[in-house]
Amino acid sequence: MLDDIIINAKSTADAVSKTATKLVDISKLRISAADLNAEINRRYESLGRTVYTGRKAGSVSEQEVSEAIAAIDDLKEQLAAVNAQLSSARKKTVCSVCGHENDADDIFCGKCGHRLSGEEPKDESGE
């Protein structure tokens, strides 16, 4: 009987450890997403300041604007990757059309109705 108690205690401790690790990982991803969002907002502000100052001076540096846009696009790609990891860790699927978060086993988006799975529905003729 004591062996059963020890085995149950070990399995419970393992389950708690796995859950805690998952929560820590999700928290780290959320922090990373928040940091990326903050950096994107800073870059938007900087871009606006650059365009404003350039227009006031009479010449906007297209190279500076293009570089700022490329940097923002890169940060947005990083954010999308972090959000995908976060959704995966939370067992969610993000709709590619509207961005709504759905359960991983959903076939259609609960907000816009877009098909979430990669498979196209077959028609009744079997084609």
Protein backbone atom coordinates (compact mmCIF):
# COMPACT_ATOMS: atom_id res chain seq x y z
CA MET A 1 0.00 0.00 0.00
CA LEU A 2 2.86 2.37 0.80
CA ASP A 3 4.37 1.64 -2.63
CA ASP A 4 1.08 2.67 -4.29
CA ILE A 5 1.08 5.93 -2.36
CA ILE A 6 4.67 6.66 -3.39
CA ILE A 7 3.93 5.84 -7.05
CA ASN A 8 0.82 8.04 -7.02
CA ALA A 9 2.74 10.87 -5.36
CA LYS A 10 5.50 10.64 -8.00
CA SER A 11 3.03 10.65 -10.90
CA THR A 12 1.19 13.61 -9.37
CA ALA A 13 4.46 15.49 -8.92
CA ASP A 14 5.39 14.76 -12.55
CA ALA A 15 2.02 16.04 -13.78
CA VAL A 16 2.33 19.21 -11.70
CA SER A 17 5.87 19.74 -12.99
CA LYS A 18 4.76 19.38 -16.62
CA THR A 19 1.87 21.80 -16.09
CA ALA A 20 4.14 24.33 -14.38
CA THR A 21 6.69 24.07 -17.20
CA LYS A 22 3.95 24.62 -19.78
CA LEU A 23 2.68 27.69 -17.91
CA VAL A 24 6.21 29.12 -17.72
CA ASP A 25 6.70 28.55 -21.45
CA ILE A 26 3.39 30.25 -22.25
CA SER A 27 4.30 33.17 -19.99
CA LYS A 28 7.66 33.57 -21.74
CA LEU A 29 5.95 33.59 -25.12
CA ARG A 30 3.44 36.19 -23.93
CA ILE A 31 6.26 38.40 -22.66
CA SER A 32 8.09 38.00 -25.97
CA ALA A 33 4.92 38.95 -27.88
CA ALA A 34 4.41 42.00 -25.67
CA ASP A 35 8.03 43.08 -26.20
CA LEU A 36 7.67 42.69 -29.97
CA ASN A 37 4.42 44.69 -29.94
CA ALA A 38 6.11 47.46 -27.97
CA GLU A 39 9.05 47.53 -30.39
CA ILE A 40 6.69 47.64 -33.40
CA ASN A 41 4.90 50.62 -31.83
CA ARG A 42 8.23 52.37 -31.22
CA ARG A 43 9.23 51.77 -34.84
CA TYR A 44 5.88 53.14 -36.07
CA GLU A 45 6.44 56.25 -33.96
CA SER A 46 9.96 56.66 -35.28
CA LEU A 47 8.75 56.21 -38.86
CA GLY A 48 6.08 58.84 -38.34
CA ARG A 49 8.62 61.23 -36.85
CA THR A 50 10.99 60.63 -39.79
CA VAL A 51 8.25 61.29 -42.36
CA TYR A 52 6.99 64.34 -40.47
CA THR A 53 10.45 65.86 -40.11
CA GLY A 54 11.30 65.11 -43.72
CA ARG A 55 8.09 66.66 -45.03
CA LYS A 56 8.64 69.78 -42.92
CA ALA A 57 12.18 70.05 -44.31
CA GLY A 58 10.89 69.52 -47.84
CA SER A 59 12.52 66.16 -48.56
CA VAL A 60 11.65 62.75 -47.21
CA SER A 61 14.46 60.19 -47.40
CA GLU A 62 12.87 57.29 -49.26
CA GLN A 63 15.74 55.03 -48.18
CA GLU A 64 15.12 55.75 -44.49
CA VAL A 65 11.39 55.15 -44.92
CA SER A 66 11.99 51.90 -46.81
CA GLU A 67 14.44 50.67 -44.16
CA ALA A 68 11.98 51.53 -41.38
CA ILE A 69 9.16 49.72 -43.18
CA ALA A 70 11.36 46.66 -43.73
CA ALA A 71 12.30 46.62 -40.02
CA ILE A 72 8.62 46.82 -39.01
CA ASP A 73 7.72 44.03 -41.43
CA ASP A 74 10.49 41.86 -39.96
CA LEU A 75 9.22 42.48 -36.43
CA LYS A 76 5.67 41.62 -37.54
CA GLU A 77 6.91 38.31 -38.96
CA GLN A 78 8.66 37.57 -35.66
CA LEU A 79 5.47 38.43 -33.79
CA ALA A 80 3.42 36.14 -36.04
CA ALA A 81 5.87 33.30 -35.32
CA VAL A 82 5.67 33.89 -31.55
CA ASN A 83 1.86 34.07 -31.73
CA ALA A 84 1.82 30.79 -33.67
CA GLN A 85 3.99 29.17 -30.98
CA LEU A 86 1.72 30.59 -28.30
CA SER A 87 -1.40 29.26 -30.03
CA SER A 88 0.23 25.87 -30.45
CA ALA A 89 1.24 25.76 -26.79
CA ARG A 90 -2.30 26.64 -25.79
CA LYS A 91 -3.70 24.09 -28.28
CA LYS A 92 -5.37 26.79 -30.36
CA THR A 93 -5.53 27.55 -34.09
CA VAL A 94 -5.53 31.09 -35.42
CA CYS A 95 -7.75 31.81 -38.42
CA SER A 96 -5.66 33.05 -41.34
CA VAL A 97 -8.51 35.30 -42.50
CA CYS A 98 -9.70 37.13 -39.39
CA GLY A 99 -7.08 36.23 -36.75
CA HIS A 100 -9.63 34.74 -34.34
CA GLU A 101 -8.25 32.06 -32.00
CA ASN A 102 -10.13 28.75 -32.24
CA ASP A 103 -9.73 25.37 -30.56
CA ALA A 104 -7.17 23.19 -32.34
CA ASP A 105 -9.78 20.60 -33.31
CA ASP A 106 -12.21 23.15 -34.83
CA ILE A 107 -12.77 22.76 -38.57
CA PHE A 108 -14.25 26.22 -39.18
CA CYS A 109 -13.50 29.59 -37.60
CA GLY A 110 -16.02 30.49 -34.92
CA LYS A 111 -15.94 34.15 -35.96
CA CYS A 112 -15.87 34.29 -39.78
CA GLY A 113 -16.64 30.68 -40.78
CA HIS A 114 -13.44 30.22 -42.81
CA ARG A 115 -12.29 26.58 -43.10
CA LEU A 116 -9.36 26.10 -40.70
CA SER A 117 -8.08 22.68 -41.73
CA GLY A 118 -5.93 22.27 -44.83
CA GLU A 119 -8.31 19.80 -46.44
CA GLU A 120 -10.95 21.02 -48.83
CA PRO A 121 -14.38 19.47 -48.35
CA LYS A 122 -15.27 16.78 -50.86
CA ASP A 123 -18.46 17.13 -52.83
CA GLU A 124 -21.06 14.38 -52.76
CA SER A 125 -20.00 12.96 -56.13
CA GLY A 126 -16.63 11.95 -54.59
CA GLU A 127 -14.55 14.11 -56.92
